[in-house]
C-alpha atoms as a PDB file:
ATOM      1  CA  MET A   1     -13.403   0.757  25.926  1.00  0.00           C
ATOM      2  CA  PHE A   2     -13.147  -0.167  29.806  1.00  0.00           C
ATOM      3  CA  VAL A   3      -9.305  -0.024  31.776  1.00  0.00           C
ATOM      4  CA  LYS A   4      -9.112  -3.271  32.037  1.00  0.00           C
ATOM      5  CA  ARG A   5      -9.059  -4.447  28.054  1.00  0.00           C
ATOM      6  CA  THR A   6      -5.380  -1.567  27.811  1.00  0.00           C
ATOM      7  CA  VAL A   7      -4.010  -1.375  31.336  1.00  0.00           C
ATOM      8  CA  HIS A   8      -2.781  -2.977  33.619  1.00  0.00           C
ATOM      9  CA  LEU A   9      -4.377  -1.296  37.386  1.00  0.00           C
ATOM     10  CA  PRO A  10      -2.637  -1.250  39.921  1.00  0.00           C
ATOM     11  CA  LYS A  11      -2.711  -4.457  42.348  1.00  0.00           C
ATOM     12  CA  GLY A  12      -4.451  -2.491  45.447  1.00  0.00           C
ATOM     13  CA  LEU A  13      -6.367   0.405  43.244  1.00  0.00           C
ATOM     14  CA  LEU A  14     -10.001  -1.028  44.052  1.00  0.00           C
ATOM     15  CA  GLU A  15      -9.579  -1.592  47.647  1.00  0.00           C
ATOM     16  CA  PHE A  16      -8.736   1.409  47.667  1.00  0.00           C
ATOM     17  CA  TYR A  17     -11.289   2.903  46.021  1.00  0.00           C
ATOM     18  CA  ILE A  18     -13.295   0.627  48.237  1.00  0.00           C
ATOM     19  CA  LEU A  19     -12.553   2.223  51.302  1.00  0.00           C
ATOM     20  CA  SER A  20     -12.335   5.401  49.441  1.00  0.00           C
ATOM     21  CA  LEU A  21     -15.847   5.709  48.888  1.00  0.00           C
ATOM     22  CA  LEU A  22     -17.845   4.470  51.524  1.00  0.00           C
ATOM     23  CA  SER A  23     -15.247   6.770  53.858  1.00  0.00           C
ATOM     24  CA  THR A  24     -17.427   9.366  51.851  1.00  0.00           C
ATOM     25  CA  TYR A  25     -21.608   7.227  52.166  1.00  0.00           C
ATOM     26  CA  PRO A  26     -22.441   3.675  53.258  1.00  0.00           C
ATOM     27  CA  ALA A  27     -22.604   1.969  49.708  1.00  0.00           C
ATOM     28  CA  ARG A  28     -24.259  -1.450  48.226  1.00  0.00           C
ATOM     29  CA  GLY A  29     -21.967  -3.743  45.451  1.00  0.00           C
ATOM     30  CA  ILE A  30     -23.878  -2.049  42.879  1.00  0.00           C
ATOM     31  CA  GLU A  31     -23.536   1.458  44.138  1.00  0.00           C
ATOM     32  CA  LEU A  32     -19.906   1.570  43.916  1.00  0.00           C
ATOM     33  CA  ILE A  33     -19.540  -0.454  40.826  1.00  0.00           C
ATOM     34  CA  GLU A  34     -22.267   2.332  39.295  1.00  0.00           C
ATOM     35  CA  ALA A  35     -19.723   5.224  41.464  1.00  0.00           C
ATOM     36  CA  ILE A  36     -16.714   3.276  40.103  1.00  0.00           C
ATOM     37  CA  ARG A  37     -17.491   4.070  36.067  1.00  0.00           C
ATOM     38  CA  LYS A  38     -19.309   7.146  36.365  1.00  0.00           C
ATOM     39  CA  ASN A  39     -16.042   8.864  38.077  1.00  0.00           C
ATOM     40  CA  THR A  40     -13.852   7.182  35.244  1.00  0.00           C
ATOM     41  CA  GLN A  41     -15.985   8.445  33.028  1.00  0.00           C
ATOM     42  CA  GLY A  42     -16.715   4.911  31.985  1.00  0.00           C
ATOM     43  CA  MET A  43     -13.137   3.579  31.136  1.00  0.00           C
ATOM     44  CA  TRP A  44     -13.185   1.645  34.572  1.00  0.00           C
ATOM     45  CA  SER A  45     -16.203  -0.501  35.705  1.00  0.00           C
ATOM     46  CA  PRO A  46     -15.262  -3.325  37.882  1.00  0.00           C
ATOM     47  CA  SER A  47     -17.351  -7.335  37.412  1.00  0.00           C
ATOM     48  CA  PRO A  48     -19.206  -7.653  40.340  1.00  0.00           C
ATOM     49  CA  GLY A  49     -17.201 -11.129  40.077  1.00  0.00           C
ATOM     50  CA  SER A  50     -13.335  -8.736  41.489  1.00  0.00           C
ATOM     51  CA  LEU A  51     -15.853  -7.056  43.807  1.00  0.00           C
ATOM     52  CA  TYR A  52     -18.085  -9.166  45.647  1.00  0.00           C
ATOM     53  CA  PRO A  53     -15.332 -11.327  46.697  1.00  0.00           C
ATOM     54  CA  LEU A  54     -13.384  -7.964  47.730  1.00  0.00           C
ATOM     55  CA  LEU A  55     -15.842  -6.405  49.786  1.00  0.00           C
ATOM     56  CA  LYS A  56     -16.155 -10.291  51.752  1.00  0.00           C
ATOM     57  CA  LYS A  57     -12.777  -9.785  52.441  1.00  0.00           C
ATOM     58  CA  LEU A  58     -12.841  -6.461  53.548  1.00  0.00           C
ATOM     59  CA  GLU A  59     -15.587  -7.653  55.906  1.00  0.00           C
ATOM     60  CA  LYS A  60     -13.384 -10.466  57.161  1.00  0.00           C
ATOM     61  CA  ASP A  61     -10.537  -8.706  57.655  1.00  0.00           C
ATOM     62  CA  GLY A  62     -13.092  -6.079  59.691  1.00  0.00           C
ATOM     63  CA  LEU A  63     -12.181  -3.198  57.325  1.00  0.00           C
ATOM     64  CA  ILE A  64     -15.788  -2.935  56.571  1.00  0.00           C
ATOM     65  CA  TYR A  65     -19.298  -4.182  57.613  1.00  0.00           C
ATOM     66  CA  SER A  66     -22.180  -5.077  56.290  1.00  0.00           C
ATOM     67  CA  VAL A  67     -25.552  -3.772  57.278  1.00  0.00           C
ATOM     68  CA  SER A  68     -28.068  -6.795  56.676  1.00  0.00           C
ATOM     69  CA  SER A  69     -31.291  -4.849  56.837  1.00  0.00           C
ATOM     70  CA  ASP A  70     -30.295  -2.992  53.630  1.00  0.00           C
ATOM     71  CA  GLY A  71     -27.650  -4.455  52.622  1.00  0.00           C
ATOM     72  CA  ARG A  72     -25.584  -1.549  52.661  1.00  0.00           C
ATOM     73  CA  PHE A  73     -21.952  -1.846  53.205  1.00  0.00           C
ATOM     74  CA  VAL A  74     -19.503   0.407  55.836  1.00  0.00           C
ATOM     75  CA  ILE A  75     -16.390   1.567  57.214  1.00  0.00           C
ATOM     76  CA  THR A  76     -15.329   0.420  60.377  1.00  0.00           C
ATOM     77  CA  GLN A  77     -12.524   2.660  61.763  1.00  0.00           C
ATOM     78  CA  LYS A  78      -9.726  -0.078  60.646  1.00  0.00           C
ATOM     79  CA  GLY A  79     -10.508   0.170  57.700  1.00  0.00           C
ATOM     80  CA  LYS A  80     -10.422   4.018  58.145  1.00  0.00           C
ATOM     81  CA  GLU A  81      -6.888   3.129  58.727  1.00  0.00           C
ATOM     82  CA  LYS A  82      -5.680   1.606  56.193  1.00  0.00           C
ATOM     83  CA  LEU A  83      -7.369   3.882  53.782  1.00  0.00           C
ATOM     84  CA  GLU A  84      -5.236   6.841  55.587  1.00  0.00           C
ATOM     85  CA  GLU A  85      -2.051   3.483  54.113  1.00  0.00           C
ATOM     86  CA  LEU A  86      -2.759   3.047  51.097  1.00  0.00           C
ATOM     87  CA  ARG A  87      -3.641   6.776  50.586  1.00  0.00           C
ATOM     88  CA  ALA A  88       0.340   7.252  51.464  1.00  0.00           C
ATOM     89  CA  GLU A  89       1.658   4.566  49.005  1.00  0.00           C
ATOM     90  CA  THR A  90      -0.852   5.891  46.177  1.00  0.00           C
ATOM     91  CA  ASP A  91       0.517   9.054  46.586  1.00  0.00           C
ATOM     92  CA  ILE A  92       3.511   8.533  45.859  1.00  0.00           C
ATOM     93  CA  ILE A  93       2.433   5.739  43.001  1.00  0.00           C
ATOM     94  CA  TYR A  94       0.562   8.898  41.532  1.00  0.00           C
ATOM     95  CA  ARG A  95       4.633  10.901  41.662  1.00  0.00           C
ATOM     96  CA  ILE A  96       6.619   8.325  40.281  1.00  0.00           C
ATOM     97  CA  MET A  97       4.055   7.984  37.548  1.00  0.00           C
ATOM     98  CA  GLU A  98       3.891  11.916  37.143  1.00  0.00           C
ATOM     99  CA  SER A  99       7.434  12.236  37.245  1.00  0.00           C
ATOM    100  CA  ILE A 100       8.141   9.392  34.042  1.00  0.00           C
ATOM    101  CA  ILE A 101       5.169  11.133  31.584  1.00  0.00           C
ATOM    102  CA  LYS A 102       7.074  14.443  32.299  1.00  0.00           C
ATOM    103  CA  GLU A 103      10.370  13.233  31.681  1.00  0.00           C
ATOM    104  CA  ALA A 104       8.743  11.299  28.186  1.00  0.00           C
ATOM    105  CA  LYS A 105       7.220  14.767  26.577  1.00  0.00           C
ATOM    106  CA  PRO A 106       8.651  15.726  24.576  1.00  0.00           C
END
């Protein structure tokens, strides 16, 4: 069962995940989908219809660029800075969720 069928993911999570993956290695879109699927043990598999428009937006915003010779995307310095901003936001969301989960336990 995919996460998208069971819960609403926070807005911007896919952007964060893409930038995070691209900060470690250049990748094609399909490789990003496969990495997300593998890293989430099959619980989340973004569709090409959600991934590729986001890649185009990130490229337009100067956060990534594509290497035309092999179709891989590479994060830019601006993208690394955006990733750090998103990481800080994600840390806050994680702490809030952790607190809620602790309070909900019997």
